[in-house]
């Protein structure tokens, strides 16, 4: 059986669990996500 994980859903799952455990992290997680997506968009990582 082959199991492959892509980065997006894995990061979303971890972020969701962290937000449930510590709701104060929501602002930081959203900010980091937006910064990372912006950097990837500017660099053009595929």
PDB file of N, CA and C in Angstrom:
ATOM      1  N   UNK A   1       0.846  -1.184   0.000  1.00  0.00           N
ATOM      2  CA  UNK A   1       0.000   0.000   0.000  1.00  0.00           C
ATOM      3  C   UNK A   1       0.885   1.239   0.000  1.00  0.00           C
ATOM      4  N   UNK A   2       0.619   2.138  -0.922  1.00  0.00           N
ATOM      5  CA  UNK A   2       1.395   3.366  -1.029  1.00  0.00           C
ATOM      6  C   UNK A   2       0.626   4.523  -0.415  1.00  0.00           C
ATOM      7  N   UNK A   3       1.237   5.194   0.527  1.00  0.00           N
ATOM      8  CA  UNK A   3       0.608   6.349   1.155  1.00  0.00           C
ATOM      9  C   UNK A   3       1.489   7.558   0.889  1.00  0.00           C
ATOM     10  N   UNK A   4       0.922   8.550   0.206  1.00  0.00           N
ATOM     11  CA  UNK A   4       1.663   9.782  -0.029  1.00  0.00           C
ATOM     12  C   UNK A   4       0.903  10.939   0.601  1.00  0.00           C
ATOM     13  N   UNK A   5       1.633  11.812   1.233  1.00  0.00           N
ATOM     14  CA  UNK A   5       1.037  12.984   1.878  1.00  0.00           C
ATOM     15  C   UNK A   5       1.537  14.229   1.178  1.00  0.00           C
ATOM     16  N   UNK A   6       0.622  15.091   0.815  1.00  0.00           N
ATOM     17  CA  UNK A   6       1.055  16.374   0.279  1.00  0.00           C
ATOM     18  C   UNK A   6       1.143  17.372   1.428  1.00  0.00           C
ATOM     19  N   UNK A   7       1.878  18.409   1.205  1.00  0.00           N
ATOM     20  CA  UNK A   7       2.200  19.343   2.286  1.00  0.00           C
ATOM     21  C   UNK A   7       0.994  20.148   2.761  1.00  0.00           C
ATOM     22  N   UNK A   8       0.139  20.596   1.851  1.00  0.00           N
ATOM     23  CA  UNK A   8      -0.997  21.443   2.209  1.00  0.00           C
ATOM     24  C   UNK A   8      -1.939  20.831   3.227  1.00  0.00           C
ATOM     25  N   UNK A   9      -2.486  19.645   2.927  1.00  0.00           N
ATOM     26  CA  UNK A   9      -3.412  19.025   3.893  1.00  0.00           C
ATOM     27  C   UNK A   9      -2.745  18.673   5.222  1.00  0.00           C
ATOM     28  N   UNK A  10      -1.485  18.283   5.186  1.00  0.00           N
ATOM     29  CA  UNK A  10      -0.779  17.943   6.423  1.00  0.00           C
ATOM     30  C   UNK A  10      -0.613  19.179   7.305  1.00  0.00           C
ATOM     31  N   UNK A  11      -0.228  20.298   6.698  1.00  0.00           N
ATOM     32  CA  UNK A  11      -0.079  21.544   7.459  1.00  0.00           C
ATOM     33  C   UNK A  11      -1.434  21.991   8.005  1.00  0.00           C
ATOM     34  N   UNK A  12      -2.477  21.847   7.198  1.00  0.00           N
ATOM     35  CA  UNK A  12      -3.819  22.230   7.644  1.00  0.00           C
ATOM     36  C   UNK A  12      -4.263  21.394   8.841  1.00  0.00           C
ATOM     37  N   UNK A  13      -3.989  20.110   8.788  1.00  0.00           N
ATOM     38  CA  UNK A  13      -4.362  19.220   9.888  1.00  0.00           C
ATOM     39  C   UNK A  13      -3.637  19.604  11.171  1.00  0.00           C
ATOM     40  N   UNK A  14      -2.338  19.822  11.077  1.00  0.00           N
ATOM     41  CA  UNK A  14      -1.553  20.191  12.260  1.00  0.00           C
ATOM     42  C   UNK A  14      -2.021  21.539  12.806  1.00  0.00           C
ATOM     43  N   UNK A  15      -2.264  22.505  11.911  1.00  0.00           N
ATOM     44  CA  UNK A  15      -2.726  23.819  12.350  1.00  0.00           C
ATOM     45  C   UNK A  15      -4.086  23.723  13.026  1.00  0.00           C
ATOM     46  N   UNK A  16      -4.980  22.915  12.474  1.00  0.00           N
ATOM     47  CA  UNK A  16      -6.308  22.737  13.077  1.00  0.00           C
ATOM     48  C   UNK A  16      -6.232  22.143  14.471  1.00  0.00           C
ATOM     49  N   UNK A  17      -5.377  21.164  14.647  1.00  0.00           N
ATOM     50  CA  UNK A  17      -5.213  20.541  15.970  1.00  0.00           C
ATOM     51  C   UNK A  17      -4.640  21.552  16.960  1.00  0.00           C
ATOM     52  N   UNK A  18      -3.642  22.321  16.516  1.00  0.00           N
ATOM     53  CA  UNK A  18      -3.050  23.326  17.409  1.00  0.00           C
ATOM     54  C   UNK A  18      -4.059  24.390  17.799  1.00  0.00           C
ATOM     55  N   UNK A  19      -4.908  24.795  16.846  1.00  0.00           N
ATOM     56  CA  UNK A  19      -5.921  25.805  17.154  1.00  0.00           C
ATOM     57  C   UNK A  19      -6.937  25.256  18.150  1.00  0.00           C
ATOM     58  N   UNK A  20      -7.303  23.987  18.016  1.00  0.00           N
ATOM     59  CA  UNK A  20      -8.236  23.390  18.975  1.00  0.00           C
ATOM     60  C   UNK A  20      -7.629  23.324  20.368  1.00  0.00           C
ATOM     61  N   UNK A  21      -6.339  23.003  20.447  1.00  0.00           N
ATOM     62  CA  UNK A  21      -5.681  22.858  21.744  1.00  0.00           C
ATOM     63  C   UNK A  21      -5.407  24.228  22.369  1.00  0.00           C
ATOM     64  N   UNK A  22      -4.909  25.155  21.542  1.00  0.00           N
ATOM     65  CA  UNK A  22      -4.562  26.485  22.033  1.00  0.00           C
ATOM     66  C   UNK A  22      -5.151  27.544  21.101  1.00  0.00           C
ATOM     67  N   UNK A  23      -6.368  27.999  21.339  1.00  0.00           N
ATOM     68  CA  UNK A  23      -7.031  28.951  20.437  1.00  0.00           C
ATOM     69  C   UNK A  23      -6.275  30.269  20.255  1.00  0.00           C
ATOM     70  N   UNK A  24      -5.420  30.629  21.196  1.00  0.00           N
ATOM     71  CA  UNK A  24      -4.654  31.872  21.067  1.00  0.00           C
ATOM     72  C   UNK A  24      -3.675  31.818  19.903  1.00  0.00           C
ATOM     73  N   UNK A  25      -3.335  30.601  19.465  1.00  0.00           N
ATOM     74  CA  UNK A  25      -2.379  30.463  18.368  1.00  0.00           C
ATOM     75  C   UNK A  25      -2.977  30.808  17.012  1.00  0.00           C
ATOM     76  N   UNK A  26      -4.282  30.994  16.932  1.00  0.00           N
ATOM     77  CA  UNK A  26      -4.944  31.212  15.649  1.00  0.00           C
ATOM     78  C   UNK A  26      -4.326  32.376  14.887  1.00  0.00           C
ATOM     79  N   UNK A  27      -4.113  33.504  15.544  1.00  0.00           N
ATOM     80  CA  UNK A  27      -3.538  34.667  14.865  1.00  0.00           C
ATOM     81  C   UNK A  27      -2.158  34.366  14.300  1.00  0.00           C
ATOM     82  N   UNK A  28      -1.325  33.692  15.087  1.00  0.00           N
ATOM     83  CA  UNK A  28       0.026  33.386  14.638  1.00  0.00           C
ATOM     84  C   UNK A  28       0.023  32.390  13.489  1.00  0.00           C
ATOM     85  N   UNK A  29      -0.826  31.380  13.585  1.00  0.00           N
ATOM     86  CA  UNK A  29      -0.881  30.363  12.540  1.00  0.00           C
ATOM     87  C   UNK A  29      -1.354  30.973  11.222  1.00  0.00           C
ATOM     88  N   UNK A  30      -2.388  31.804  11.277  1.00  0.00           N
ATOM     89  CA  UNK A  30      -2.887  32.448  10.063  1.00  0.00           C
ATOM     90  C   UNK A  30      -1.829  33.380   9.488  1.00  0.00           C
ATOM     91  N   UNK A  31      -1.164  34.142  10.327  1.00  0.00           N
ATOM     92  CA  UNK A  31      -0.133  35.058   9.852  1.00  0.00           C
ATOM     93  C   UNK A  31       1.026  34.302   9.202  1.00  0.00           C
ATOM     94  N   UNK A  32       1.493  33.252   9.837  1.00  0.00           N
ATOM     95  CA  UNK A  32       2.582  32.462   9.269  1.00  0.00           C
ATOM     96  C   UNK A  32       2.167  31.825   7.950  1.00  0.00           C
ATOM     97  N   UNK A  33       0.944  31.320   7.882  1.00  0.00           N
ATOM     98  CA  UNK A  33       0.448  30.714   6.652  1.00  0.00           C
ATOM     99  C   UNK A  33       0.443  31.724   5.513  1.00  0.00           C
ATOM    100  N   UNK A  34      -0.072  32.906   5.775  1.00  0.00           N
ATOM    101  CA  UNK A  34      -0.129  33.932   4.735  1.00  0.00           C
ATOM    102  C   UNK A  34       1.265  34.363   4.299  1.00  0.00           C
ATOM    103  N   UNK A  35       2.193  34.488   5.230  1.00  0.00           N
ATOM    104  CA  UNK A  35       3.564  34.871   4.889  1.00  0.00           C
ATOM    105  C   UNK A  35       4.218  33.795   4.032  1.00  0.00           C
ATOM    106  N   UNK A  36       4.053  32.548   4.422  1.00  0.00           N
ATOM    107  CA  UNK A  36       4.662  31.440   3.668  1.00  0.00           C
ATOM    108  C   UNK A  36       4.075  31.346   2.266  1.00  0.00           C
ATOM    109  N   UNK A  37       2.751  31.457   2.146  1.00  0.00           N
ATOM    110  CA  UNK A  37       2.108  31.405   0.833  1.00  0.00           C
ATOM    111  C   UNK A  37       2.572  32.583  -0.025  1.00  0.00           C
ATOM    112  N   UNK A  38       2.721  33.749   0.565  1.00  0.00           N
ATOM    113  CA  UNK A  38       3.202  34.914  -0.167  1.00  0.00           C
ATOM    114  C   UNK A  38       4.628  34.730  -0.671  1.00  0.00           C
ATOM    115  N   UNK A  39       5.499  34.194   0.175  1.00  0.00           N
ATOM    116  CA  UNK A  39       6.888  33.960  -0.228  1.00  0.00           C
ATOM    117  C   UNK A  39       6.945  32.923  -1.342  1.00  0.00           C
ATOM    118  N   UNK A  40       6.183  31.846  -1.203  1.00  0.00           N
ATOM    119  CA  UNK A  40       6.156  30.818  -2.240  1.00  0.00           C
ATOM    120  C   UNK A  40       5.631  31.400  -3.559  1.00  0.00           C
ATOM    121  N   UNK A  41       4.634  32.259  -3.476  1.00  0.00           N
ATOM    122  CA  UNK A  41       4.098  32.890  -4.670  1.00  0.00           C
ATOM    123  C   UNK A  41       5.094  33.803  -5.344  1.00  0.00           C
ATOM    124  N   UNK A  42       5.877  34.536  -4.553  1.00  0.00           N
ATOM    125  CA  UNK A  42       6.864  35.452  -5.122  1.00  0.00           C
ATOM    126  C   UNK A  42       8.034  34.693  -5.751  1.00  0.00           C
ATOM    127  N   UNK A  43       8.464  33.636  -5.086  1.00  0.00           N
ATOM    128  CA  UNK A  43       9.612  32.866  -5.582  1.00  0.00           C
ATOM    129  C   UNK A  43       9.190  31.977  -6.748  1.00  0.00           C
ATOM    130  N   UNK A  44       7.960  31.491  -6.695  1.00  0.00           N
ATOM    131  CA  UNK A  44       7.464  30.636  -7.759  1.00  0.00           C
ATOM    132  C   UNK A  44       7.845  29.175  -7.578  1.00  0.00           C
ATOM    133  N   UNK A  45       7.844  28.688  -6.351  1.00  0.00           N
ATOM    134  CA  UNK A  45       8.163  27.284  -6.067  1.00  0.00           C
ATOM    135  C   UNK A  45       7.047  26.408  -6.603  1.00  0.00           C
ATOM    136  N   UNK A  46       7.420  25.365  -7.311  1.00  0.00           N
ATOM    137  CA  UNK A  46       6.409  24.448  -7.849  1.00  0.00           C
ATOM    138  C   UNK A  46       6.580  23.059  -7.317  1.00  0.00           C
TER     139      UNK A  46
END
